[in-house]
Protein backbone atom coordinates (compact mmCIF):
# COMPACT_ATOMS: atom_id res chain seq x y z
CA MET A 1 37.65 84.30 69.95
CA THR A 2 38.38 81.04 67.51
CA ILE A 3 36.99 79.31 64.49
CA ARG A 4 34.15 77.22 65.32
CA THR A 5 33.83 75.04 62.38
CA VAL A 6 33.36 75.68 58.68
CA ASP A 7 30.01 78.13 57.32
CA HIS A 8 30.20 76.89 53.98
CA VAL A 9 31.43 76.16 50.59
CA ASN A 10 31.49 78.54 47.49
CA ILE A 11 31.24 76.99 44.30
CA ALA A 12 31.66 79.52 41.17
CA THR A 13 30.32 78.50 37.34
CA GLN A 14 28.82 79.13 34.60
CA ASP A 15 26.26 76.48 34.79
CA LEU A 16 24.19 77.15 38.22
CA THR A 17 21.89 74.63 36.73
CA ALA A 18 23.52 71.70 36.14
CA THR A 19 25.83 72.48 39.46
CA ARG A 20 22.09 72.64 41.82
CA ASP A 21 20.89 70.02 39.99
CA PHE A 22 23.76 67.46 41.51
CA PHE A 23 23.91 68.89 44.79
CA VAL A 24 20.14 68.70 44.43
CA ASP A 25 18.59 65.71 42.79
CA VAL A 26 21.95 63.90 43.17
CA LEU A 27 23.73 64.45 47.05
CA GLY A 28 20.30 65.33 48.52
CA MET A 29 20.46 69.20 49.39
CA ALA A 30 17.85 71.61 49.36
CA GLU A 31 17.89 74.52 47.80
CA GLY A 32 17.00 77.20 50.19
CA PRO A 33 15.98 80.86 50.88
CA ARG A 34 18.83 83.21 49.45
CA PRO A 35 19.68 87.13 50.21
CA PRO A 36 19.05 89.19 47.37
CA PHE A 37 22.25 89.15 45.98
CA ASP A 38 23.30 91.28 42.67
CA PHE A 39 24.42 88.54 41.44
CA ARG A 40 22.40 85.17 40.04
CA GLY A 41 23.32 81.90 42.22
CA TYR A 42 21.63 79.44 44.73
CA TRP A 43 21.98 78.48 48.82
CA LEU A 44 21.96 75.09 48.77
CA TYR A 45 20.70 72.93 52.54
CA ALA A 46 21.68 69.63 54.45
CA ASP A 47 20.35 69.88 58.18
CA GLY A 48 18.85 73.60 57.72
CA ARG A 49 22.08 74.64 57.35
CA PRO A 50 22.95 76.34 53.85
CA ILE A 51 26.79 74.87 54.09
CA VAL A 52 27.28 75.13 49.37
CA HIS A 53 27.01 78.17 48.40
CA VAL A 54 26.62 78.48 44.35
CA GLN A 55 27.16 81.81 42.12
CA GLU A 56 27.42 82.42 38.61
CA ALA A 57 31.04 83.19 37.60
CA PRO A 58 31.96 85.80 34.72
CA ALA A 59 34.45 83.78 33.19
CA PRO A 60 35.37 80.18 33.35
CA VAL A 61 36.73 78.48 36.32
CA GLY A 62 39.56 75.48 36.57
CA PRO A 63 39.09 72.65 38.89
CA SER A 64 39.81 72.15 42.33
CA THR A 65 42.24 69.64 41.72
CA LYS A 66 44.66 72.77 39.76
CA SER A 67 44.30 75.39 43.02
CA ALA A 68 45.69 74.82 46.88
CA LEU A 69 41.86 73.93 48.13
CA ASN A 70 41.85 70.17 46.90
CA HIS A 71 38.40 68.88 47.87
CA VAL A 72 35.23 69.81 49.89
CA ALA A 73 34.09 66.89 51.69
CA PHE A 74 30.69 66.35 53.04
CA GLU A 75 29.58 63.33 56.06
CA ILE A 76 26.91 60.88 54.69
CA ALA A 77 24.33 59.38 56.53
CA ASP A 78 23.67 56.15 54.12
CA TYR A 79 26.77 54.18 52.34
CA ASP A 80 24.67 52.59 50.07
CA ALA A 81 22.08 54.78 49.62
CA MET A 82 24.49 57.45 48.29
CA ILE A 83 26.06 54.33 45.86
CA ASP A 84 22.61 53.53 44.95
CA ARG A 85 21.50 58.01 44.23
CA LEU A 86 25.41 57.67 42.31
CA GLU A 87 24.67 54.56 40.48
CA THR A 88 21.17 56.05 39.35
CA ALA A 89 22.22 59.08 37.66
CA GLY A 90 24.94 57.88 36.25
CA LEU A 91 27.96 59.52 37.70
CA THR A 92 32.34 58.16 38.11
CA TYR A 93 33.11 57.36 41.45
CA VAL A 94 35.60 55.94 43.96
CA ALA A 95 35.35 54.11 47.17
CA LYS A 96 37.60 54.09 49.37
CA ALA A 97 37.76 52.63 52.77
CA VAL A 98 39.65 54.24 55.59
CA PRO A 99 42.59 52.32 57.34
CA GLY A 100 41.84 51.20 60.53
CA SER A 101 38.90 52.50 60.26
CA ASP A 102 35.24 51.12 59.57
CA ALA A 103 35.07 54.26 57.51
CA ARG A 104 34.56 54.39 53.82
CA GLN A 105 34.91 57.33 52.03
CA ILE A 106 33.25 58.46 48.33
CA PHE A 107 34.66 60.90 45.86
CA LEU A 108 33.99 62.01 42.46
CA PHE A 109 33.16 65.58 41.12
CA ASP A 110 30.91 67.92 40.57
CA PRO A 111 30.18 69.21 36.67
CA ASN A 112 32.53 72.25 37.50
CA GLY A 113 35.50 69.74 38.57
CA VAL A 114 35.29 69.88 41.89
CA ARG A 115 36.35 67.38 43.61
CA VAL A 116 33.79 66.37 46.14
CA GLU A 117 34.92 63.51 49.49
CA LEU A 118 31.55 62.09 50.57
CA ASN A 119 32.47 60.27 54.43
CA TYR A 120 30.22 57.82 55.75
CA ARG A 121 30.96 56.57 59.47
CA PRO A 122 28.85 53.80 61.04
């Protein structure tokens, strides 16, 4: 038996609304069905799959850059449209080209300090 793919990323936060708004309004995911767990949260979907789970944290959590898990990366379909969304939202980001490739990357942080990488491959 082998691992097939990454199923989802879970983000613990004290600000569910800001986290949901970042992934839905800025990055373009959709809020979708979530089981009736005994804690508050959201499941956020991309291409019909719940790839980001957000749950309420009982205590403050630190940024991802202070842990062994450095960042989470997503593939995007339209680089220029994503840059426009980030600009419209007034977010700070760093755009880079991947050496030896025509791929491009965008790096930014979610409201909880989780580093997010967005990859575009034409």
